Structure formats: C-alpha cells, structure tokens
N, C-alpha and C. Protein backbone atom coordinates (compact mmCIF):
# COMPACT_ATOMS: atom_id res chain seq x y z
N MET A 1 0.85 -1.17 0.00
CA MET A 1 0.01 -0.01 -0.01
C MET A 1 0.91 1.24 0.03
N ASP A 2 0.57 2.21 -0.78
CA ASP A 2 1.29 3.43 -0.92
C ASP A 2 1.17 4.21 0.43
N VAL A 3 2.28 4.82 0.88
CA VAL A 3 2.24 5.51 2.16
C VAL A 3 1.27 6.69 2.15
N GLU A 4 1.13 7.34 0.99
CA GLU A 4 0.25 8.53 0.89
C GLU A 4 -1.21 8.15 0.91
N THR A 5 -1.56 6.88 0.58
CA THR A 5 -2.94 6.46 0.57
C THR A 5 -3.30 5.57 1.78
N ALA A 6 -2.36 5.38 2.66
CA ALA A 6 -2.59 4.54 3.83
C ALA A 6 -3.64 5.18 4.77
N ILE A 7 -4.51 4.37 5.28
CA ILE A 7 -5.56 4.85 6.15
C ILE A 7 -5.00 4.84 7.62
N ASP A 8 -5.23 5.89 8.33
CA ASP A 8 -4.79 5.98 9.73
C ASP A 8 -5.92 5.39 10.58
N TRP A 9 -5.84 4.05 10.78
CA TRP A 9 -6.92 3.35 11.49
C TRP A 9 -7.04 3.83 12.93
N ASP A 10 -5.95 4.17 13.62
CA ASP A 10 -6.00 4.70 14.95
C ASP A 10 -6.85 5.91 15.04
N GLU A 11 -6.63 6.81 14.12
CA GLU A 11 -7.39 8.07 14.04
C GLU A 11 -8.89 7.74 13.73
N ALA A 12 -9.10 6.86 12.80
CA ALA A 12 -10.51 6.51 12.44
C ALA A 12 -11.26 5.94 13.62
N PHE A 13 -10.61 5.13 14.47
CA PHE A 13 -11.29 4.56 15.61
C PHE A 13 -11.32 5.53 16.80
N GLU A 14 -10.55 6.55 16.80
CA GLU A 14 -10.61 7.59 17.82
C GLU A 14 -11.80 8.53 17.60
N TYR A 15 -12.12 8.85 16.30
CA TYR A 15 -13.19 9.75 15.96
C TYR A 15 -14.39 8.99 15.40
N LEU A 16 -14.96 8.20 16.28
CA LEU A 16 -16.12 7.34 15.90
C LEU A 16 -17.43 8.13 15.80
N PRO A 17 -18.26 7.73 14.86
CA PRO A 17 -19.61 8.36 14.75
C PRO A 17 -20.34 8.30 16.08
N GLY A 18 -20.97 9.43 16.43
CA GLY A 18 -21.74 9.50 17.67
C GLY A 18 -20.93 10.13 18.82
N SER A 19 -19.62 10.26 18.65
CA SER A 19 -18.81 10.93 19.66
C SER A 19 -19.15 12.43 19.71
N LEU A 20 -19.13 13.03 20.85
CA LEU A 20 -19.33 14.45 20.99
C LEU A 20 -17.97 15.12 21.06
N VAL A 21 -17.84 16.14 20.24
CA VAL A 21 -16.56 16.85 20.13
C VAL A 21 -16.78 18.38 20.28
N GLU A 22 -15.73 19.05 20.68
CA GLU A 22 -15.79 20.50 20.80
C GLU A 22 -14.82 21.07 19.85
N LEU A 23 -15.18 22.21 19.21
CA LEU A 23 -14.25 22.92 18.32
C LEU A 23 -13.26 23.68 19.23
N LYS A 24 -11.94 23.41 19.02
CA LYS A 24 -10.94 24.08 19.82
C LYS A 24 -10.94 25.58 19.64
N ALA A 25 -11.27 26.03 18.39
CA ALA A 25 -11.29 27.44 18.08
C ALA A 25 -12.51 28.16 18.72
N GLN A 26 -13.50 27.40 19.09
CA GLN A 26 -14.72 27.95 19.65
C GLN A 26 -15.11 27.16 20.88
N PRO A 27 -14.41 27.34 21.97
CA PRO A 27 -14.75 26.58 23.18
C PRO A 27 -16.22 26.66 23.55
N GLY A 28 -16.82 25.52 23.91
CA GLY A 28 -18.23 25.52 24.23
C GLY A 28 -19.08 25.16 23.08
N THR A 29 -18.59 25.16 21.84
CA THR A 29 -19.32 24.79 20.67
C THR A 29 -19.11 23.30 20.41
N THR A 30 -20.13 22.50 20.63
CA THR A 30 -19.99 21.09 20.47
C THR A 30 -20.79 20.56 19.31
N TYR A 31 -20.35 19.44 18.77
CA TYR A 31 -21.00 18.76 17.66
C TYR A 31 -20.87 17.26 17.89
N CYS A 32 -21.76 16.53 17.23
CA CYS A 32 -21.69 15.09 17.24
C CYS A 32 -21.04 14.67 15.94
N ILE A 33 -20.13 13.72 15.97
CA ILE A 33 -19.49 13.24 14.74
C ILE A 33 -20.50 12.43 13.96
N ASP A 34 -20.66 12.83 12.71
CA ASP A 34 -21.56 12.09 11.79
C ASP A 34 -20.83 10.87 11.18
N PHE A 35 -19.66 11.14 10.60
CA PHE A 35 -18.91 10.05 10.07
C PHE A 35 -17.44 10.47 9.80
N TYR A 36 -16.58 9.44 9.72
CA TYR A 36 -15.18 9.65 9.43
C TYR A 36 -14.95 9.05 8.05
N GLU A 37 -14.50 9.84 7.13
CA GLU A 37 -14.26 9.35 5.73
C GLU A 37 -12.75 9.42 5.48
N PRO A 38 -12.06 8.27 5.56
CA PRO A 38 -10.65 8.23 5.44
C PRO A 38 -10.08 8.70 4.07
N MET A 39 -10.90 8.69 3.08
CA MET A 39 -10.43 9.12 1.73
C MET A 39 -10.62 10.61 1.46
N MET A 40 -11.18 11.28 2.47
CA MET A 40 -11.37 12.75 2.37
C MET A 40 -10.37 13.49 3.19
N VAL A 41 -10.01 14.71 2.75
CA VAL A 41 -9.13 15.56 3.52
C VAL A 41 -9.83 16.92 3.61
N PRO A 42 -10.23 17.32 4.76
CA PRO A 42 -10.20 16.67 6.07
C PRO A 42 -11.25 15.54 6.18
N PRO A 43 -11.02 14.58 7.10
CA PRO A 43 -11.83 13.36 7.09
C PRO A 43 -13.04 13.33 8.01
N ILE A 44 -13.21 14.29 8.91
CA ILE A 44 -14.26 14.17 9.93
C ILE A 44 -15.45 15.09 9.61
N TRP A 45 -16.62 14.49 9.48
CA TRP A 45 -17.86 15.20 9.23
C TRP A 45 -18.69 15.28 10.50
N LEU A 46 -19.20 16.43 10.80
CA LEU A 46 -19.99 16.66 11.99
C LEU A 46 -21.44 16.86 11.67
N VAL A 47 -22.36 16.44 12.53
CA VAL A 47 -23.76 16.70 12.31
C VAL A 47 -24.05 18.23 12.39
N ASP A 48 -24.75 18.74 11.42
CA ASP A 48 -25.15 20.16 11.34
C ASP A 48 -23.98 21.10 11.19
N ASP A 49 -22.89 20.62 10.65
CA ASP A 49 -21.70 21.50 10.32
C ASP A 49 -21.43 21.24 8.82
N PRO A 50 -21.52 22.27 8.01
CA PRO A 50 -21.36 22.08 6.57
C PRO A 50 -19.97 21.72 6.07
N ARG A 51 -18.94 21.96 6.86
CA ARG A 51 -17.60 21.66 6.42
C ARG A 51 -16.91 20.57 7.24
N PRO A 52 -16.20 19.72 6.59
CA PRO A 52 -15.46 18.69 7.29
C PRO A 52 -14.34 19.29 8.14
N ARG A 53 -13.87 18.54 9.13
CA ARG A 53 -12.85 19.04 10.08
C ARG A 53 -11.67 18.12 10.14
N TYR A 54 -10.51 18.68 10.56
CA TYR A 54 -9.32 17.90 10.81
C TYR A 54 -9.31 17.57 12.34
N PRO A 55 -8.69 16.46 12.67
CA PRO A 55 -8.59 16.03 14.07
C PRO A 55 -8.00 17.13 14.99
N HIS A 56 -7.01 17.88 14.50
CA HIS A 56 -6.39 18.88 15.39
C HIS A 56 -7.34 20.07 15.72
N GLU A 57 -8.45 20.12 14.97
CA GLU A 57 -9.42 21.21 15.28
C GLU A 57 -10.44 20.85 16.37
N LEU A 58 -10.39 19.53 16.76
CA LEU A 58 -11.41 19.01 17.66
C LEU A 58 -10.86 18.49 18.96
N ARG A 59 -11.70 18.51 20.00
CA ARG A 59 -11.36 17.90 21.27
C ARG A 59 -12.55 16.97 21.59
N ILE A 60 -12.29 15.70 21.83
CA ILE A 60 -13.31 14.76 22.17
C ILE A 60 -13.79 15.03 23.57
N VAL A 61 -15.14 15.24 23.68
CA VAL A 61 -15.77 15.50 24.96
C VAL A 61 -16.34 14.26 25.56
N SER A 62 -17.05 13.48 24.73
CA SER A 62 -17.69 12.24 25.22
C SER A 62 -17.84 11.24 24.08
N ARG A 63 -17.76 9.96 24.47
CA ARG A 63 -18.00 8.89 23.52
C ARG A 63 -19.28 8.08 23.88
N LEU A 64 -20.12 8.59 24.71
CA LEU A 64 -21.27 7.87 25.21
C LEU A 64 -22.24 7.52 24.09
N ASN A 65 -22.34 8.36 23.04
CA ASN A 65 -23.32 8.12 22.00
C ASN A 65 -22.83 7.34 20.81
N GLU A 66 -21.63 6.72 20.92
CA GLU A 66 -21.04 5.99 19.81
C GLU A 66 -22.02 4.91 19.32
N ARG A 67 -22.08 4.72 18.00
CA ARG A 67 -22.92 3.66 17.42
C ARG A 67 -22.07 2.41 17.27
N VAL A 68 -22.01 1.64 18.32
CA VAL A 68 -21.23 0.40 18.29
C VAL A 68 -22.10 -0.70 18.88
N CYS A 69 -21.69 -1.90 18.66
CA CYS A 69 -22.47 -3.05 19.14
C CYS A 69 -22.19 -3.23 20.63
N SER A 70 -23.24 -3.57 21.35
CA SER A 70 -23.04 -3.87 22.78
C SER A 70 -22.81 -5.37 22.87
N LEU A 71 -21.94 -5.74 23.76
CA LEU A 71 -21.61 -7.14 23.95
C LEU A 71 -22.35 -7.62 25.17
N GLU A 72 -23.10 -8.66 25.01
CA GLU A 72 -23.85 -9.28 26.08
C GLU A 72 -23.32 -10.67 26.30
N SER A 73 -23.18 -11.05 27.56
CA SER A 73 -22.73 -12.41 27.83
C SER A 73 -23.92 -13.33 27.62
N GLN A 74 -23.63 -14.48 27.08
CA GLN A 74 -24.68 -15.50 26.80
C GLN A 74 -24.28 -16.82 27.46
N ALA A 75 -25.18 -17.48 28.01
CA ALA A 75 -24.91 -18.80 28.60
C ALA A 75 -24.53 -19.78 27.46
N VAL A 76 -23.51 -20.56 27.72
CA VAL A 76 -23.02 -21.48 26.70
C VAL A 76 -23.48 -22.86 27.04
C-alpha cells in the first residue's frame, strides 16, 4: 500500500460516529461526529456542520453516544 494512501486506523477509531466533540477554536461549541471518511481531507464530518474538520481542530468531549455493538454475555 502506498504511504500517501494509507488509512490511519488509529485516528479512524478515535473519531467514531456518535462521539461528542468540541471545536478548539470555539470553546463550548460542540458537535456530534456524523462520520469519518478516510479518503477525504479533512476526514471528519459533523452533524449540522457544513464543512469537514481535521482532528487537530477538535477535542473529544464524550464517547457515550457511539454507534457500536453492545456485547452481552450469553450462557453457553
């Protein structure tokens, strides 16, 4: 894989959809991450924000709303 087209998986998993982030340039202004598109520059799209953002523009506030599977223990 070409170095320039390599996907930064650590970054992709850090900025998961549903996470609440704050704009560093506007403290107190928070958004929910809509999706992370690794082929776009910048890669992070926020709900109700028309322009994508770079990771260095954001501070993660909460990951409580992430859309991930919940793991439940099942009797075997």
